[in-house]
Amino acid sequence: MKSAVVLLPGLNRDRDMIAALTKISGQAPATVWQTDTEIPDVDLIAIPGGFSFGDYLRCGAIAARMPVMRAVAEKAAKGVTVIGVCNGFQILVEAGLLPGALMRNASLKFVCRQVKLRIANANTMFTRGYQPGQIIRSPVAHHDGNYFADAETLARLEGEGQVVFCYADGTNPNGSINDIAGIVNDRGNVLGLMPHPENLIEAAHGGNDGRALFESALGIAA
């Protein structure tokens, strides 16, 4: 299965994402730069975490307006699978590919630790490798991961199964509304999540809880 990783100035988790996709899919992903206007034919596009453009203005606000993101939007509209992790989630929200907003952590502090996630919807192309309600572990590292949506949007997201990951067992690191950690768009092919599943895919990481997400998205998981 072919994949691509979006590169933007200030992202610092691109190598982690490339390593994870290479190990899981068996082939290195293509890389696309901020000024690229076309993305090769791939099965999955990943936007990694970091601090694109130094988080100037709002996290992801400048990156969302780069030419490559117009190309990502075009691919997403055609049904290509897209994952945005951490800053990638913020970029997808700023680009209008996902609803809501990501605000400053409730603690007003940068948080870097391991959390627990509950699979809120196991019937998506990103979570079919997990069991409904399964609790998994994942690292987080962010300053602006406090997800918020207005009441109408929140009701729609939860009612239509678009909330796919929730912080579990009191490990919410940022004050995110209803413990939301990851959502999909209404079509179900674009996922944004604050935790870093790419950093927990093999024994060397201390576990492989995040591996099934990528296997699911790449069509490897049943």
Protein backbone atom coordinates (compact mmCIF):
# COMPACT_ATOMS: atom_id res chain seq x y z
CA MET A 1 0.00 0.00 0.00
CA LYS A 2 1.37 3.39 -1.01
CA SER A 3 1.52 6.39 1.32
CA ALA A 4 2.77 9.96 1.38
CA VAL A 5 3.94 12.23 4.20
CA VAL A 6 3.46 16.00 4.02
CA LEU A 7 6.54 18.05 4.97
CA LEU A 8 6.25 21.60 6.29
CA PRO A 9 8.78 23.93 7.97
CA GLY A 10 8.77 23.30 11.71
CA LEU A 11 7.33 19.80 11.69
CA ASN A 12 9.55 17.51 13.76
CA ARG A 13 7.73 14.18 13.73
CA ASP A 14 8.07 13.54 10.00
CA ARG A 15 10.88 10.99 10.45
CA ASP A 16 8.83 9.14 13.06
CA MET A 17 5.86 8.97 10.68
CA ILE A 18 8.02 7.90 7.74
CA ALA A 19 9.65 5.15 9.85
CA ALA A 20 6.27 3.89 11.07
CA LEU A 21 4.70 3.79 7.61
CA THR A 22 7.79 2.13 6.13
CA LYS A 23 7.84 -0.58 8.79
CA ILE A 24 4.09 -1.28 8.62
CA SER A 25 3.52 -1.04 4.86
CA GLY A 26 6.86 -2.47 3.76
CA GLN A 27 7.75 0.49 1.57
CA ALA A 28 8.91 4.03 2.24
CA PRO A 29 6.27 6.73 1.76
CA ALA A 30 6.63 9.49 -0.78
CA THR A 31 7.27 12.94 0.69
CA VAL A 32 5.55 16.10 -0.51
CA TRP A 33 6.76 19.62 0.29
CA GLN A 34 4.69 22.66 1.26
CA THR A 35 4.83 24.19 -2.22
CA ASP A 36 3.86 21.01 -4.08
CA THR A 37 0.55 21.33 -5.89
CA GLU A 38 0.14 17.66 -6.69
CA ILE A 39 0.34 14.49 -4.61
CA PRO A 40 1.16 11.11 -6.19
CA ASP A 41 -1.46 8.38 -6.35
CA VAL A 42 -1.34 6.90 -2.86
CA ASP A 43 -3.66 5.07 -0.48
CA LEU A 44 -2.83 7.21 2.56
CA ILE A 45 -1.63 10.77 3.20
CA ALA A 46 -0.18 11.58 6.63
CA ILE A 47 0.43 15.02 8.13
CA PRO A 48 2.82 14.58 11.08
CA GLY A 49 3.19 16.54 14.28
CA GLY A 50 5.49 19.35 15.29
CA PHE A 51 5.30 23.12 15.19
CA SER A 52 4.65 24.14 11.59
CA PHE A 53 5.79 27.71 10.99
CA GLY A 54 6.57 27.96 14.71
CA ASP A 55 2.85 27.84 15.61
CA TYR A 56 2.76 31.51 14.62
CA LEU A 57 -0.73 33.09 14.64
CA ARG A 58 -2.63 29.89 15.54
CA CYS A 59 -1.29 26.35 15.47
CA GLY A 60 -1.59 25.12 11.89
CA ALA A 61 -3.07 28.38 10.56
CA ILE A 62 -0.25 29.18 8.13
CA ALA A 63 0.38 25.57 7.13
CA ALA A 64 -3.30 25.15 6.27
CA ARG A 65 -2.92 27.79 3.57
CA MET A 66 0.07 26.24 1.82
CA PRO A 67 -0.39 24.88 -1.74
CA VAL A 68 0.15 21.29 -0.59
CA MET A 69 -2.93 21.49 1.63
CA ARG A 70 -5.11 22.36 -1.35
CA ALA A 71 -3.76 19.19 -2.95
CA VAL A 72 -4.55 17.23 0.24
CA ALA A 73 -8.11 18.61 0.21
CA GLU A 74 -8.54 17.56 -3.41
CA LYS A 75 -7.35 14.03 -2.64
CA ALA A 76 -9.60 13.83 0.43
CA ALA A 77 -12.59 14.92 -1.65
CA LYS A 78 -11.85 11.98 -3.96
CA GLY A 79 -11.89 9.56 -1.02
CA VAL A 80 -8.17 9.19 -0.31
CA THR A 81 -7.44 8.38 3.34
CA VAL A 82 -5.84 11.23 5.32
CA ILE A 83 -4.40 11.19 8.84
CA GLY A 84 -3.31 14.29 10.75
CA VAL A 85 -1.48 13.73 14.05
CA CYS A 86 -1.04 16.47 16.65
CA ASN A 87 -0.04 19.54 14.60
CA GLY A 88 -1.43 17.61 11.64
CA PHE A 89 -4.81 17.55 13.41
CA GLN A 90 -4.56 21.30 14.00
CA ILE A 91 -3.73 21.83 10.31
CA LEU A 92 -6.73 19.75 9.17
CA VAL A 93 -9.03 21.81 11.40
CA GLU A 94 -7.56 25.10 10.17
CA ALA A 95 -7.93 23.88 6.57
CA GLY A 96 -11.61 23.17 7.12
CA LEU A 97 -11.24 19.43 6.56
CA LEU A 98 -12.40 18.73 10.13
CA PRO A 99 -14.79 20.72 12.34
CA GLY A 100 -14.14 22.36 15.69
CA ALA A 101 -11.10 24.08 17.16
CA LEU A 102 -7.99 23.13 19.10
CA MET A 103 -7.31 25.55 21.93
CA ARG A 104 -4.57 26.01 24.51
CA ASN A 105 -4.36 23.18 27.05
CA ALA A 106 -6.52 23.86 30.10
CA SER A 107 -3.37 23.73 32.26
CA LEU A 108 -1.71 26.35 30.02
CA LYS A 109 1.30 24.03 29.99
CA PHE A 110 2.95 21.83 27.38
CA VAL A 111 2.10 18.20 28.13
CA CYS A 112 4.35 15.27 27.20
CA ARG A 113 3.37 11.90 28.62
CA GLN A 114 1.53 8.67 27.95
CA VAL A 115 -2.27 8.60 28.07
CA LYS A 116 -4.98 6.01 27.68
CA LEU A 117 -7.43 6.08 24.78
CA ARG A 118 -10.81 4.42 24.42
CA ILE A 119 -11.92 3.28 20.98
CA ALA A 120 -15.19 5.19 20.74
CA ASN A 121 -16.03 3.86 17.27
CA ALA A 122 -14.39 0.67 16.02
CA ASN A 123 -16.36 0.74 12.77
CA THR A 124 -14.13 3.14 10.83
CA MET A 125 -11.33 2.66 8.31
CA PHE A 126 -8.91 3.79 11.04
CA THR A 127 -10.12 1.62 13.94
CA ARG A 128 -11.31 -1.67 12.41
CA GLY A 129 -8.21 -3.34 13.85
CA TYR A 130 -9.42 -2.60 17.38
CA GLN A 131 -12.33 -3.83 19.49
CA PRO A 132 -15.23 -1.53 20.45
CA GLY A 133 -14.42 0.18 23.74
CA GLN A 134 -10.87 -1.17 23.77
CA ILE A 135 -8.41 0.83 25.88
CA ILE A 136 -5.02 1.47 24.31
CA ARG A 137 -1.99 3.56 25.26
CA SER A 138 -0.46 6.42 23.29
CA PRO A 139 2.06 9.20 23.88
CA VAL A 140 1.01 12.85 23.66
CA ALA A 141 3.17 15.96 23.27
CA HIS A 142 1.32 19.22 22.73
CA HIS A 143 0.47 22.66 24.06
CA ASP A 144 -2.75 23.27 22.13
CA GLY A 145 -4.72 20.02 22.13
CA ASN A 146 -7.87 21.16 23.91
CA TYR A 147 -10.56 20.17 21.40
CA PHE A 148 -13.73 22.25 21.35
CA ALA A 149 -16.86 22.32 19.22
CA ASP A 150 -20.17 24.12 19.66
CA ALA A 151 -23.12 22.14 21.03
CA GLU A 152 -24.68 21.49 17.62
CA THR A 153 -21.42 20.28 16.09
CA LEU A 154 -20.61 18.16 19.13
CA ALA A 155 -24.04 16.49 19.04
CA ARG A 156 -23.57 15.70 15.35
CA LEU A 157 -20.05 14.32 15.82
CA GLU A 158 -21.10 12.04 18.66
CA GLY A 159 -24.45 11.11 17.14
CA GLU A 160 -22.95 10.10 13.81
CA GLY A 161 -19.99 8.20 15.23
CA GLN A 162 -17.38 10.72 14.15
CA VAL A 163 -15.69 10.71 17.55
CA VAL A 164 -13.33 7.74 17.27
CA PHE A 165 -10.81 8.19 20.12
CA CYS A 166 -11.48 9.49 23.64
CA TYR A 167 -9.10 9.95 26.55
CA ALA A 168 -9.82 7.24 29.12
CA ASP A 169 -9.40 6.58 32.83
CA GLY A 170 -8.91 10.22 33.78
CA THR A 171 -5.89 10.74 31.51
CA ASN A 172 -7.28 13.69 29.52
CA PRO A 173 -4.12 15.84 29.23
CA ASN A 174 -5.64 19.05 27.88
CA GLY A 175 -9.25 19.59 28.98
CA SER A 176 -10.68 18.53 25.64
CA ILE A 177 -14.49 18.62 25.63
CA ASN A 178 -16.04 15.21 26.38
CA ASP A 179 -12.50 13.78 26.48
CA ILE A 180 -12.31 13.85 22.67
CA ALA A 181 -8.89 12.81 21.35
CA GLY A 182 -9.64 12.10 17.69
CA ILE A 183 -12.41 12.64 15.13
CA VAL A 184 -13.19 11.81 11.51
CA ASN A 185 -14.98 13.85 8.87
CA ASP A 186 -18.52 13.00 7.84
CA ARG A 187 -17.27 10.86 4.95
CA GLY A 188 -15.02 8.93 7.34
CA ASN A 189 -11.79 9.15 5.33
CA VAL A 190 -10.06 12.02 7.20
CA LEU A 191 -8.85 11.47 10.77
CA GLY A 192 -7.37 14.00 13.14
CA LEU A 193 -6.00 13.01 16.55
CA MET A 194 -3.74 14.65 19.11
CA PRO A 195 -1.92 11.51 20.43
CA HIS A 196 1.04 10.02 18.53
CA PRO A 197 0.24 6.41 17.54
CA GLU A 198 3.34 6.33 15.31
CA ASN A 199 5.46 6.34 18.47
CA LEU A 200 4.00 3.10 19.82
CA ILE A 201 4.11 0.52 17.01
CA GLU A 202 6.82 -1.97 18.04
CA ALA A 203 8.49 -3.56 21.03
CA ALA A 204 11.34 -1.03 20.90
CA HIS A 205 8.76 1.66 21.69
CA GLY A 206 7.48 -0.25 24.70
CA GLY A 207 4.39 -1.56 22.96
CA ASN A 208 2.48 -1.69 19.70
CA ASP A 209 -0.88 -0.15 20.65
CA GLY A 210 -0.76 2.34 17.77
CA ARG A 211 0.09 -0.16 15.06
CA ALA A 212 -3.49 -1.27 14.36
CA LEU A 213 -4.47 2.29 13.44
CA PHE A 214 -2.03 2.34 10.54
CA GLU A 215 -2.78 -1.24 9.57
CA SER A 216 -6.46 -0.33 9.49
CA ALA A 217 -5.89 2.81 7.42
CA LEU A 218 -3.63 0.97 4.97
CA GLY A 219 -6.11 -1.89 4.58
CA ILE A 220 -3.80 -4.41 6.22
CA ALA A 221 -6.09 -5.07 9.20
CA ALA A 222 -9.22 -7.14 8.58
